[in-house]
Protein backbone atom coordinates (compact mmCIF):
# COMPACT_ATOMS: atom_id res chain seq x y z
CA UNK A 1 0.00 0.00 0.00
CA UNK A 2 2.82 2.40 0.93
CA UNK A 3 4.68 1.58 -2.30
CA UNK A 4 1.52 2.18 -4.34
CA UNK A 5 0.98 5.52 -2.58
CA UNK A 6 4.59 6.53 -3.29
CA UNK A 7 4.23 5.69 -7.00
CA UNK A 8 0.99 7.67 -7.17
CA UNK A 9 2.68 10.68 -5.53
CA UNK A 10 5.62 10.54 -7.93
CA UNK A 11 3.23 10.31 -10.87
CA UNK A 12 1.24 13.30 -9.60
CA UNK A 13 4.39 15.41 -9.24
CA UNK A 14 5.48 14.46 -12.76
CA UNK A 15 2.06 15.45 -14.13
CA UNK A 16 2.24 18.81 -12.33
CA UNK A 17 5.71 19.50 -13.66
CA UNK A 18 4.64 18.62 -17.20
CA UNK A 19 1.51 20.80 -16.92
CA UNK A 20 3.59 23.77 -15.72
CA UNK A 21 6.01 23.25 -18.58
CA UNK A 22 3.14 23.15 -21.08
CA UNK A 23 1.45 26.16 -19.51
CA UNK A 24 4.19 28.60 -20.56
CA UNK A 25 3.72 28.08 -24.29
CA UNK A 26 0.49 26.05 -24.35
CA UNK A 27 -1.47 28.17 -26.83
CA UNK A 28 1.46 28.58 -29.25
CA UNK A 29 2.34 24.88 -29.16
CA UNK A 30 -1.30 23.86 -29.54
CA UNK A 31 -1.63 26.13 -32.56
CA UNK A 32 1.42 24.50 -34.14
CA UNK A 33 -0.17 21.07 -33.68
CA UNK A 34 -3.45 22.27 -35.21
CA UNK A 35 -1.64 23.83 -38.19
CA UNK A 36 0.36 20.63 -38.58
CA UNK A 37 -2.81 18.53 -38.75
CA UNK A 38 -4.38 20.82 -41.35
CA UNK A 39 -1.27 20.81 -43.55
CA UNK A 40 -0.73 17.04 -43.42
CA UNK A 41 -1.31 14.98 -46.53
CA UNK A 42 -2.87 11.54 -46.23
CA UNK A 43 0.49 9.80 -46.60
CA UNK A 44 2.16 12.08 -44.06
CA UNK A 45 -0.64 11.29 -41.61
CA UNK A 46 -0.19 7.56 -42.19
CA UNK A 47 3.59 7.75 -41.82
CA UNK A 48 3.51 9.80 -38.62
CA UNK A 49 0.64 7.85 -37.06
CA UNK A 50 1.09 4.34 -38.46
CA UNK A 51 1.08 2.74 -35.00
CA UNK A 52 -2.14 4.55 -34.12
CA UNK A 53 -3.71 3.24 -37.32
CA UNK A 54 -2.61 -0.30 -36.47
CA UNK A 55 -3.98 -0.21 -32.92
CA UNK A 56 -7.24 1.33 -34.11
CA UNK A 57 -7.66 -1.42 -36.71
CA UNK A 58 -6.95 -4.13 -34.14
CA UNK A 59 -9.36 -2.81 -31.48
CA UNK A 60 -12.06 -2.26 -34.10
CA UNK A 61 -11.98 -6.02 -34.72
CA UNK A 62 -14.34 -6.32 -31.76
CA UNK A 63 -16.94 -5.01 -34.21
CA UNK A 64 -16.25 -7.97 -36.54
CA UNK A 65 -17.34 -10.17 -33.67
CA UNK A 66 -20.42 -8.06 -32.98
CA UNK A 67 -21.34 -8.02 -36.68
CA UNK A 68 -21.05 -11.81 -36.77
CA UNK A 69 -23.02 -12.36 -33.57
CA UNK A 70 -25.69 -9.78 -34.28
CA UNK A 71 -27.20 -11.31 -37.42
CA UNK A 72 -27.25 -14.96 -36.35
CA UNK A 73 -30.68 -14.89 -34.70
CA UNK A 74 -32.35 -12.94 -37.52
CA UNK A 75 -31.06 -15.45 -40.09
CA UNK A 76 -31.85 -18.46 -37.90
CA UNK A 77 -35.57 -17.69 -38.33
CA UNK A 78 -35.14 -18.96 -41.92
CA UNK A 79 -33.02 -21.92 -40.74
CA UNK A 80 -34.84 -25.31 -40.90
CA UNK A 81 -33.11 -26.90 -37.89
CA UNK A 82 -33.56 -23.78 -35.76
CA UNK A 83 -37.25 -23.58 -36.72
CA UNK A 84 -37.78 -27.20 -35.64
CA UNK A 85 -36.01 -26.68 -32.30
CA UNK A 86 -37.57 -23.36 -31.26
CA UNK A 87 -40.65 -23.06 -33.48
CA UNK A 88 -44.08 -24.62 -34.01
CA UNK A 89 -45.59 -26.61 -36.87
CA UNK A 90 -48.33 -24.73 -38.76
CA UNK A 91 -49.29 -27.37 -41.30
CA UNK A 92 -47.86 -28.49 -44.65
CA UNK A 93 -48.46 -25.12 -46.37
CA UNK A 94 -46.44 -23.02 -43.89
CA UNK A 95 -44.33 -25.68 -42.12
CA UNK A 96 -42.18 -24.90 -39.08
CA UNK A 97 -42.09 -21.27 -37.95
CA UNK A 98 -40.89 -19.38 -34.88
CA UNK A 99 -43.95 -17.40 -33.79
CA UNK A 100 -44.03 -13.62 -34.08
CA UNK A 101 -43.87 -13.03 -30.34
CA UNK A 102 -40.77 -15.23 -29.93
CA UNK A 103 -39.09 -13.71 -32.98
CA UNK A 104 -39.67 -10.33 -31.36
CA UNK A 105 -38.43 -11.51 -27.95
CA UNK A 106 -35.24 -13.13 -29.30
CA UNK A 107 -34.41 -10.13 -31.48
CA UNK A 108 -35.16 -7.66 -28.71
CA UNK A 109 -33.28 -9.65 -26.05
CA UNK A 110 -29.83 -8.83 -27.38
CA UNK A 111 -30.93 -5.28 -28.14
CA UNK A 112 -32.19 -4.73 -24.60
CA UNK A 113 -28.94 -6.15 -23.23
CA UNK A 114 -26.95 -3.84 -25.53
CA UNK A 115 -28.86 -0.81 -24.21
CA UNK A 116 -28.01 -1.68 -20.61
CA UNK A 117 -24.43 -2.60 -21.51
CA UNK A 118 -23.96 0.65 -23.40
CA UNK A 119 -25.25 2.80 -20.54
CA UNK A 120 -22.99 1.01 -18.04
CA UNK A 121 -20.10 1.37 -20.47
CA UNK A 122 -20.51 5.16 -20.52
CA UNK A 123 -19.50 5.32 -16.86
CA UNK A 124 -17.01 2.44 -17.00
CA UNK A 125 -15.07 3.88 -19.95
CA UNK A 126 -15.05 7.37 -18.42
CA UNK A 127 -13.73 6.03 -15.11
CA UNK A 128 -11.47 3.11 -16.04
CA UNK A 129 -10.49 3.85 -19.64
CA UNK A 130 -11.17 2.08 -22.93
CA UNK A 131 -8.72 -0.83 -22.63
CA UNK A 132 -9.89 -2.35 -19.36
CA UNK A 133 -13.55 -1.84 -20.18
CA UNK A 134 -13.05 -3.84 -23.38
CA UNK A 135 -11.04 -6.57 -21.63
CA UNK A 136 -13.73 -7.13 -18.98
CA UNK A 137 -16.49 -7.14 -21.61
CA UNK A 138 -14.67 -9.69 -23.77
CA UNK A 139 -14.10 -11.96 -20.77
CA UNK A 140 -17.79 -11.77 -19.85
CA UNK A 141 -18.85 -12.59 -23.42
CA UNK A 142 -16.67 -15.68 -23.37
CA UNK A 143 -18.83 -17.00 -20.52
CA UNK A 144 -22.17 -15.82 -21.94
CA UNK A 145 -21.69 -17.78 -25.18
CA UNK A 146 -22.09 -20.99 -23.16
CA UNK A 147 -25.68 -20.01 -22.41
CA UNK A 148 -26.75 -19.63 -26.06
CA UNK A 149 -24.77 -22.67 -27.21
CA UNK A 150 -26.33 -25.08 -24.69
CA UNK A 151 -29.79 -23.44 -24.57
CA UNK A 152 -32.38 -26.27 -24.26
CA UNK A 153 -35.33 -24.00 -25.06
CA UNK A 154 -36.49 -20.56 -26.14
CA UNK A 155 -36.47 -19.18 -22.61
CA UNK A 156 -32.80 -19.98 -21.93
CA UNK A 157 -31.83 -18.79 -25.42
CA UNK A 158 -33.52 -15.46 -24.66
CA UNK A 159 -31.54 -15.11 -21.40
CA UNK A 160 -28.33 -15.86 -23.33
CA UNK A 161 -29.15 -13.22 -25.94
CA UNK A 162 -29.71 -10.61 -23.23
CA UNK A 163 -26.40 -11.45 -21.53
CA UNK A 164 -24.43 -11.39 -24.79
CA UNK A 165 -26.05 -8.06 -25.61
CA UNK A 166 -24.41 -6.53 -22.52
CA UNK A 167 -20.98 -7.03 -24.09
CA UNK A 168 -22.07 -6.12 -27.63
CA UNK A 169 -23.28 -2.76 -26.32
CA UNK A 170 -19.74 -2.03 -25.11
CA UNK A 171 -18.03 -2.98 -28.39
CA UNK A 172 -20.35 -0.85 -30.52
CA UNK A 173 -19.64 2.30 -28.51
CA UNK A 174 -15.94 2.01 -27.64
CA UNK A 175 -14.49 1.06 -31.04
CA UNK A 176 -15.52 4.24 -32.93
CA UNK A 177 -14.64 6.44 -29.93
CA UNK A 178 -11.14 4.94 -29.70
CA UNK A 179 -10.61 5.25 -33.46
CA UNK A 180 -11.56 8.94 -33.41
CA UNK A 181 -9.21 9.75 -30.53
CA UNK A 182 -5.95 8.07 -31.50
CA UNK A 183 -5.66 9.47 -35.04
CA UNK A 184 -5.36 13.00 -36.53
CA UNK A 185 -8.07 14.88 -38.41
CA UNK A 186 -7.20 13.63 -41.91
CA UNK A 187 -7.37 9.96 -40.81
CA UNK A 188 -10.46 10.13 -38.59
CA UNK A 189 -12.94 9.56 -41.41
CA UNK A 190 -11.15 6.47 -42.68
CA UNK A 191 -10.76 4.77 -39.31
CA UNK A 192 -14.22 5.57 -37.96
CA UNK A 193 -15.86 4.28 -41.17
CA UNK A 194 -13.56 1.24 -40.99
CA UNK A 195 -15.70 0.28 -37.99
CA UNK A 196 -18.59 -0.29 -40.42
CA UNK A 197 -16.29 -2.34 -42.64
CA UNK A 198 -15.61 -4.58 -39.64
CA UNK A 199 -19.37 -4.91 -39.22
CA UNK A 200 -19.69 -5.93 -42.90
CA UNK A 201 -16.82 -8.43 -42.54
CA UNK A 202 -18.48 -9.99 -39.49
CA UNK A 203 -21.81 -10.30 -41.25
CA UNK A 204 -20.17 -11.70 -44.38
CA UNK A 205 -18.46 -14.35 -42.24
CA UNK A 206 -21.72 -15.15 -40.44
CA UNK A 207 -23.66 -15.52 -43.68
CA UNK A 208 -20.94 -17.81 -45.09
CA UNK A 209 -20.95 -19.97 -41.95
CA UNK A 210 -24.76 -20.15 -41.99
CA UNK A 211 -24.76 -21.16 -45.65
CA UNK A 212 -22.10 -23.80 -44.98
CA UNK A 213 -24.03 -25.29 -42.04
CA UNK A 214 -27.41 -25.18 -43.78
CA UNK A 215 -27.43 -28.90 -44.67
CA UNK A 216 -26.11 -30.20 -41.33
CA UNK A 217 -28.79 -32.34 -39.73
CA UNK A 218 -29.76 -31.98 -36.07
CA UNK A 219 -29.04 -29.29 -33.49
CA UNK A 220 -25.39 -28.87 -34.49
CA UNK A 221 -26.66 -27.17 -37.64
CA UNK A 222 -27.33 -24.00 -35.61
CA UNK A 223 -25.00 -24.66 -32.67
CA UNK A 224 -21.81 -24.60 -34.77
CA UNK A 225 -22.38 -20.95 -35.81
CA UNK A 226 -22.86 -20.14 -32.12
CA UNK A 227 -19.66 -22.03 -31.17
CA UNK A 228 -17.53 -20.10 -33.69
CA UNK A 229 -18.07 -17.03 -31.50
CA UNK A 230 -15.50 -18.49 -29.07
CA UNK A 231 -12.72 -17.82 -31.60
CA UNK A 232 -12.77 -14.07 -30.90
CA UNK A 233 -12.66 -13.01 -27.23
CA UNK A 234 -9.32 -14.35 -25.93
CA UNK A 235 -7.09 -13.08 -28.80
CA UNK A 236 -8.82 -9.70 -28.62
CA UNK A 237 -8.31 -9.54 -24.84
CA UNK A 238 -4.56 -9.95 -25.46
CA UNK A 239 -4.64 -7.17 -28.08
CA UNK A 240 -6.50 -4.82 -25.71
CA UNK A 241 -4.06 -5.56 -22.87
CA UNK A 242 -1.05 -4.44 -24.92
CA UNK A 243 -2.81 -1.55 -26.70
CA UNK A 244 -2.00 2.04 -25.62
CA UNK A 245 -4.80 3.87 -23.83
CA UNK A 246 -6.44 6.80 -25.61
CA UNK A 247 -4.31 9.91 -24.85
CA UNK A 248 -7.48 12.03 -24.90
CA UNK A 249 -8.93 9.91 -22.08
CA UNK A 250 -5.69 10.25 -20.11
CA UNK A 251 -5.73 14.04 -20.54
CA UNK A 252 -9.36 14.11 -19.37
CA UNK A 253 -8.22 12.13 -16.33
CA UNK A 254 -5.37 14.67 -15.82
CA UNK A 255 -2.68 12.00 -16.25
CA UNK A 256 -0.50 14.04 -18.57
CA UNK A 257 2.73 12.06 -18.25
CA UNK A 258 0.90 8.86 -19.23
CA UNK A 259 -0.88 10.73 -22.04
CA UNK A 260 2.49 11.78 -23.47
CA UNK A 261 3.75 8.19 -23.22
CA UNK A 262 0.62 7.00 -25.04
CA UNK A 263 1.18 9.56 -27.84
CA UNK A 264 4.74 8.24 -28.22
CA UNK A 265 3.46 4.66 -28.51
CA UNK A 266 0.86 5.70 -31.11
CA UNK A 267 3.28 7.75 -33.22
CA UNK A 268 5.36 6.72 -36.17
CA UNK A 269 7.95 9.33 -37.17
CA UNK A 270 7.00 12.25 -34.92
CA UNK A 271 9.63 14.46 -33.33
CA UNK A 272 9.63 15.33 -29.63
CA UNK A 273 8.38 18.81 -30.54
CA UNK A 274 5.41 17.38 -32.45
CA UNK A 275 4.55 15.11 -29.54
CA UNK A 276 4.66 17.98 -27.04
CA UNK A 277 2.60 20.16 -29.38
CA UNK A 278 -0.01 17.43 -29.74
CA UNK A 279 -0.28 17.09 -25.98
CA UNK A 280 -0.61 20.87 -25.64
CA UNK A 281 -3.44 20.87 -28.21
CA UNK A 282 -5.28 18.18 -26.23
CA UNK A 283 -4.96 20.12 -22.99
CA UNK A 284 -6.06 23.31 -24.78
CA UNK A 285 -9.15 21.61 -26.25
CA UNK A 286 -10.18 20.07 -22.93
CA UNK A 287 -9.94 23.48 -21.22
CA UNK A 288 -12.01 25.20 -23.92
CA UNK A 289 -14.71 22.56 -23.40
CA UNK A 290 -14.48 23.00 -19.63
CA UNK A 291 -15.92 26.50 -20.10
CA UNK A 292 -19.13 25.02 -21.48
CA UNK A 293 -19.16 21.67 -19.69
CA UNK A 294 -18.75 21.37 -15.93
CA UNK A 295 -18.26 17.70 -15.18
CA UNK A 296 -18.89 14.64 -17.37
CA UNK A 297 -22.29 13.09 -16.77
CA UNK A 298 -25.17 12.07 -19.01
CA UNK A 299 -27.03 15.19 -17.88
CA UNK A 300 -24.24 17.39 -19.27
CA UNK A 301 -24.92 15.95 -22.73
CA UNK A 302 -28.27 17.79 -22.70
CA UNK A 303 -26.98 21.20 -21.57
CA UNK A 304 -25.91 24.21 -23.62
CA UNK A 305 -24.31 23.52 -27.02
CA UNK A 306 -23.94 19.84 -26.11
CA UNK A 307 -27.72 19.39 -26.51
CA UNK A 308 -27.41 20.04 -30.24
CA UNK A 309 -24.45 17.69 -30.51
CA UNK A 310 -26.40 14.97 -28.70
CA UNK A 311 -29.34 15.44 -31.08
CA UNK A 312 -27.06 15.05 -34.10
CA UNK A 313 -25.26 11.90 -32.93
CA UNK A 314 -28.51 10.25 -31.79
CA UNK A 315 -30.62 10.97 -34.88
CA UNK A 316 -27.74 10.21 -37.28
CA UNK A 317 -27.30 6.80 -35.68
CA UNK A 318 -31.07 6.14 -35.49
CA UNK A 319 -31.09 6.84 -39.22
CA UNK A 320 -29.44 3.46 -39.77
CA UNK A 321 -32.57 1.75 -38.45
CA UNK A 322 -35.10 4.23 -39.84
CA UNK A 323 -33.54 3.76 -43.29
CA UNK A 324 -35.08 0.27 -43.34
CA UNK A 325 -32.14 -1.87 -42.25
CA UNK A 326 -34.36 -4.31 -40.33
CA UNK A 327 -36.07 -5.12 -43.62
CA UNK A 328 -33.49 -4.77 -46.39
CA UNK A 329 -30.15 -5.39 -44.65
CA UNK A 330 -30.81 -9.08 -43.90
CA UNK A 331 -33.52 -10.04 -46.45
CA UNK A 332 -33.11 -13.83 -46.12
CA UNK A 333 -36.28 -14.29 -44.08
CA UNK A 334 -38.21 -12.03 -46.46
CA UNK A 335 -37.25 -14.14 -49.46
CA UNK A 336 -37.95 -17.51 -47.84
CA UNK A 337 -41.39 -16.45 -46.62
CA UNK A 338 -42.13 -15.03 -50.09
CA UNK A 339 -41.45 -18.44 -51.62
CA UNK A 340 -37.74 -18.44 -52.58
CA UNK A 341 -35.79 -21.64 -51.98
CA UNK A 342 -33.91 -21.45 -48.64
CA UNK A 343 -30.49 -22.23 -50.19
CA UNK A 344 -31.03 -19.60 -52.91
CA UNK A 345 -32.09 -17.04 -50.30
CA UNK A 346 -28.86 -17.61 -48.33
CA UNK A 347 -26.82 -17.44 -51.57
CA UNK A 348 -28.42 -14.09 -52.37
CA UNK A 349 -27.76 -12.86 -48.83
CA UNK A 350 -24.11 -13.97 -49.07
CA UNK A 351 -23.69 -12.04 -52.31
CA UNK A 352 -25.36 -9.01 -50.73
CA UNK A 353 -22.87 -9.02 -47.84
CA UNK A 354 -20.03 -9.06 -50.38
CA UNK A 355 -21.60 -6.00 -52.00
CA UNK A 356 -21.72 -4.35 -48.55
CA UNK A 357 -17.98 -4.94 -48.16
CA UNK A 358 -17.27 -3.30 -51.53
CA UNK A 359 -19.56 -0.38 -50.71
CA UNK A 360 -17.84 0.36 -47.39
CA UNK A 361 -14.36 0.29 -48.95
CA UNK A 362 -15.59 2.63 -51.71
CA UNK A 363 -16.94 5.03 -49.09
CA UNK A 364 -13.36 5.79 -48.00
CA UNK A 365 -12.72 7.47 -51.33
CA UNK A 366 -16.02 9.37 -51.31
CA UNK A 367 -15.70 10.60 -47.72
CA UNK A 368 -12.29 12.16 -48.42
CA UNK A 369 -13.64 14.23 -51.32
CA UNK A 370 -17.31 14.86 -50.55
CA UNK A 371 -17.33 14.90 -46.76
CA UNK A 372 -20.00 13.62 -44.39
CA UNK A 373 -23.08 15.78 -44.99
CA UNK A 374 -23.54 15.37 -48.79
CA UNK A 375 -23.10 11.59 -48.60
CA UNK A 376 -25.48 11.16 -45.66
CA UNK A 377 -28.22 13.40 -47.10
CA UNK A 378 -27.95 11.93 -50.61
CA UNK A 379 -27.69 8.37 -49.31
CA UNK A 380 -30.75 8.45 -47.07
CA UNK A 381 -32.79 10.07 -49.87
CA UNK A 382 -31.83 7.31 -52.33
CA UNK A 383 -32.55 4.57 -49.77
CA UNK A 384 -36.05 5.98 -49.28
CA UNK A 385 -36.69 5.79 -53.03
CA UNK A 386 -35.45 2.18 -53.31
CA UNK A 387 -37.73 1.03 -50.47
CA UNK A 388 -40.74 2.67 -52.09
CA UNK A 389 -39.91 0.84 -55.35
CA UNK A 390 -39.82 -2.50 -53.48
CA UNK A 391 -43.29 -1.77 -52.09
CA UNK A 392 -44.62 -0.83 -55.54
CA UNK A 393 -43.18 -4.06 -57.03
CA UNK A 394 -44.92 -6.17 -54.38
CA UNK A 395 -48.27 -4.52 -55.07
CA UNK A 396 -48.01 -4.60 -58.87
CA UNK A 397 -46.15 -7.86 -59.56
CA UNK A 398 -46.58 -10.07 -56.47
CA UNK A 399 -44.31 -13.12 -56.55
CA UNK A 400 -43.24 -12.31 -60.12
CA UNK A 401 -41.41 -9.33 -58.64
CA UNK A 402 -39.47 -11.44 -56.11
CA UNK A 403 -36.14 -11.47 -57.97
CA UNK A 404 -36.37 -7.78 -58.99
CA UNK A 405 -37.09 -7.03 -55.32
CA UNK A 406 -34.00 -9.06 -54.44
CA UNK A 407 -31.96 -6.95 -56.84
CA UNK A 408 -33.31 -3.78 -55.24
CA UNK A 409 -32.40 -5.11 -51.77
CA UNK A 410 -28.83 -5.67 -53.00
CA UNK A 411 -28.81 -2.13 -54.46
CA UNK A 412 -30.17 -0.79 -51.15
CA UNK A 413 -27.39 -2.57 -49.26
CA UNK A 414 -24.73 -1.17 -51.61
CA UNK A 415 -26.03 2.41 -51.21
CA UNK A 416 -26.34 1.94 -47.44
CA UNK A 417 -22.77 0.63 -47.17
CA UNK A 418 -21.53 3.47 -49.38
CA UNK A 419 -23.21 6.23 -47.38
CA UNK A 420 -25.06 6.22 -44.05
CA UNK A 421 -23.80 2.83 -42.84
CA UNK A 422 -20.15 3.84 -42.39
CA UNK A 423 -20.83 7.59 -42.09
CA UNK A 424 -22.98 7.21 -38.97
CA UNK A 425 -19.95 5.86 -37.08
CA UNK A 426 -17.83 8.77 -38.28
CA UNK A 427 -20.48 11.34 -37.35
CA UNK A 428 -21.07 10.07 -33.81
CA UNK A 429 -17.35 9.87 -33.05
CA UNK A 430 -16.42 13.26 -34.50
CA UNK A 431 -19.45 15.38 -33.55
CA UNK A 432 -19.45 14.60 -29.82
CA UNK A 433 -17.30 16.77 -27.54
CA UNK A 434 -14.03 15.33 -26.28
CA UNK A 435 -14.96 15.53 -22.59
CA UNK A 436 -18.31 13.83 -23.12
CA UNK A 437 -17.39 11.47 -25.96
CA UNK A 438 -17.84 8.12 -24.15
CA UNK A 439 -21.21 9.28 -22.82
CA UNK A 440 -22.37 10.86 -26.12
CA UNK A 441 -21.48 7.76 -28.12
CA UNK A 442 -23.35 5.61 -25.60
CA UNK A 443 -26.43 7.86 -25.87
CA UNK A 444 -26.34 7.62 -29.66
CA UNK A 445 -26.05 3.84 -29.53
CA UNK A 446 -28.81 3.64 -26.91
CA UNK A 447 -31.10 5.72 -29.14
CA UNK A 448 -30.23 3.37 -32.01
CA UNK A 449 -31.08 0.32 -29.90
CA UNK A 450 -34.37 1.74 -28.60
CA UNK A 451 -35.51 2.44 -32.16
CA UNK A 452 -34.19 -1.00 -33.08
CA UNK A 453 -36.43 -2.62 -30.45
CA UNK A 454 -39.50 -0.97 -32.00
CA UNK A 455 -38.25 -1.86 -35.48
CA UNK A 456 -37.72 -5.53 -34.61
CA UNK A 457 -41.16 -5.76 -33.02
CA UNK A 458 -42.82 -4.31 -36.12
CA UNK A 459 -40.64 -6.23 -38.58
CA UNK A 460 -41.32 -9.58 -36.93
CA UNK A 461 -45.07 -9.09 -37.38
CA UNK A 462 -44.85 -7.44 -40.82
CA UNK A 463 -42.91 -10.34 -42.36
CA UNK A 464 -44.21 -13.39 -40.49
CA UNK A 465 -46.64 -15.43 -42.66
CA UNK A 466 -48.72 -16.33 -39.59
CA UNK A 467 -48.96 -12.68 -38.49
CA UNK A 468 -49.42 -9.59 -40.77
CA UNK A 469 -47.72 -11.16 -43.85
CA UNK A 470 -47.00 -7.80 -45.55
CA UNK A 471 -43.86 -8.99 -47.36
CA UNK A 472 -42.59 -6.35 -49.86
CA UNK A 473 -45.28 -3.86 -48.85
CA UNK A 474 -43.11 -3.30 -45.77
CA UNK A 475 -41.01 -1.11 -48.09
CA UNK A 476 -43.72 1.58 -47.99
CA UNK A 477 -43.39 1.93 -44.21
CA UNK A 478 -39.59 2.05 -44.09
CA UNK A 479 -39.45 4.27 -47.15
CA UNK A 480 -41.53 6.79 -45.21
CA UNK A 481 -39.30 6.71 -42.12
CA UNK A 482 -36.19 7.06 -44.31
CA UNK A 483 -37.71 10.15 -45.96
CA UNK A 484 -38.26 11.74 -42.52
CA UNK A 485 -34.53 11.26 -41.74
CA UNK A 486 -33.70 12.77 -45.14
CA UNK A 487 -35.60 15.96 -44.24
CA UNK A 488 -33.93 16.14 -40.80
CA UNK A 489 -30.43 15.62 -42.20
CA UNK A 490 -30.86 18.38 -44.79
CA UNK A 491 -31.63 20.98 -42.14
CA UNK A 492 -29.73 19.72 -39.07
CA UNK A 493 -26.66 17.69 -40.06
CA UNK A 494 -23.43 19.77 -40.17
CA UNK A 495 -20.26 19.05 -42.14
CA UNK A 496 -17.36 18.13 -39.82
CA UNK A 497 -14.82 17.11 -42.47
CA UNK A 498 -11.36 18.61 -41.91
CA UNK A 499 -12.20 20.22 -38.55
CA UNK A 500 -10.11 19.72 -35.43
CA UNK A 501 -11.97 19.13 -32.17
CA UNK A 502 -11.12 22.68 -31.05
CA UNK A 503 -12.72 24.15 -34.16
CA UNK A 504 -15.83 22.00 -33.78
CA UNK A 505 -16.19 23.11 -30.14
CA UNK A 506 -16.20 26.76 -31.18
CA UNK A 507 -18.61 26.22 -34.09
CA UNK A 508 -21.12 24.54 -31.79
CA UNK A 509 -20.64 27.10 -29.01
CA UNK A 510 -21.44 29.87 -31.48
CA UNK A 511 -24.54 28.08 -32.82
CA UNK A 512 -23.43 28.12 -36.47
CA UNK A 513 -26.22 26.71 -38.72
CA UNK A 514 -25.63 23.21 -40.10
CA UNK A 515 -25.48 24.33 -43.74
CA UNK A 516 -22.79 26.96 -42.93
CA UNK A 517 -20.37 24.68 -41.04
CA UNK A 518 -18.25 24.03 -44.12
CA UNK A 519 -17.91 27.73 -45.05
CA UNK A 520 -17.33 29.25 -41.61
CA UNK A 521 -13.77 30.32 -40.79
CA UNK A 522 -12.58 29.43 -37.28
CA UNK A 523 -9.37 30.44 -35.50
CA UNK A 524 -9.22 28.95 -31.98
CA UNK A 525 -6.06 30.99 -31.25
CA UNK A 526 -7.14 34.42 -32.48
CA UNK A 527 -7.32 35.92 -28.95
CA UNK A 528 -4.48 35.51 -26.44
CA UNK A 529 -4.67 33.68 -23.15
CA UNK A 530 -8.08 32.05 -23.53
CA UNK A 531 -7.14 28.89 -21.66
CA UNK A 532 -8.52 28.73 -18.18
CA UNK A 533 -10.47 31.99 -18.36
CA UNK A 534 -13.79 30.29 -17.81
CA UNK A 535 -15.41 32.79 -20.17
CA UNK A 536 -17.24 31.09 -23.02
CA UNK A 537 -17.98 34.47 -24.60
CA UNK A 538 -14.27 34.91 -25.38
CA UNK A 539 -14.32 31.60 -27.19
CA UNK A 540 -17.39 32.62 -29.18
CA UNK A 541 -15.62 35.76 -30.40
CA UNK A 542 -13.20 33.59 -32.35
CA UNK A 543 -15.79 32.63 -34.95
CA UNK A 544 -15.89 34.72 -38.09
CA UNK A 545 -18.49 33.73 -40.71
CA UNK A 546 -17.30 33.86 -44.31
CA UNK A 547 -20.11 32.69 -46.57
CA UNK A 548 -19.70 31.91 -50.22
């Protein structure tokens, strides 16, 4: 205990000495770091931050696992062996089916668990950091998989889904937050949208495994896909243990010496001056935000300029569900209930996931040239149109329109993966304030999951042949919700491309309209000695609007 206290005291003294050293030239050094980020080319950013890119890629692999796990249940509803184990027989015409209420319960179980896990994660990540929160969550998931694998009935399977959802809620919120904090401005878009690529990879793997196990007789036909989940947690726990902690989190925790060490571990070819400047910029940004945010709680996310930021991250993420993803993203069950052969439906779904992979990779090129706002607004508008066309096909052509509807679902998935799918992760990670990022990302994911619960309830009844049996007409409903998001995004979604976190803080503090974000000039260092003044008005004076 005495030794631990001595180490803590030494660390505190070192942090104080470093803070005093930074304080003398903090604004000047921070400005140099900001200018350096703006002047960096893509290749310079990769060279100077190659280790950060590597660690971000490795930690984002937790999303591959979540993408794999998350679509198993939805696809199992079209799985013959799963239907026999957990469903009921409805006669020769319909066959075995999991009833609408149990489809809803099993889908909502993991979602409800993810909501709780995400909310707990907001406090855990803020208090204990990203690494240890991920390690504990991965260890817990390793145990929870036993429940779903050995589930003897629907009730136990539901409990297992809820427990697994606790961990999935952590992965979905920490990966984009970590990616946005360890890399500079010109790499943020690539690495935050890479999170969606991991999702697509996981779902592609899951669909391939499901297709491969389709003809296995008996309970192992659906248990093997569950068992493959055990391949992920332990290797990822090792990766998280050796990964550097986010320097932004360490600065928020006032552990400056450790933050500097973390920057060194994340850097490639940075000089000592660049490292010190980067640390000064982080301290400077945190202190600017301290003027508008006292403390870091969920309540602070709904105060002052942070209320607008919370609205943006929540609605942008909910847009993934409201765009019709419950219907068009995993259309296997739709096609089987509409009369398509089960093997052909899984083949089509496998091809669609490959298209999603291509779309996400292509989005990296688009996001670097077009930014976030144009792609999100255009993407959600196009998705709305595709869904309406699917509904029209179902009304006008019936089963003759099944394959054209399948082609439209594949087109929908490509557009989704090219636009709002990956962009939502970038928007939530970049728009939230640095001090409140873990909590803001959790709120956005919780909003997503709450809408997802409603979506899964409706979708289970819309598609089930023993319930509402709407089939392709479901496209009318989701086309309408997607159009509502389109209208919101046109008026409320700002462009954050190329902005440092300091610049974004000032833009939001000044209440700049969403459509003017890209054309507003910001100089966080225009006035001297703004750090520590506690006067938000001084910060607001730094914004000068220059409209085209």
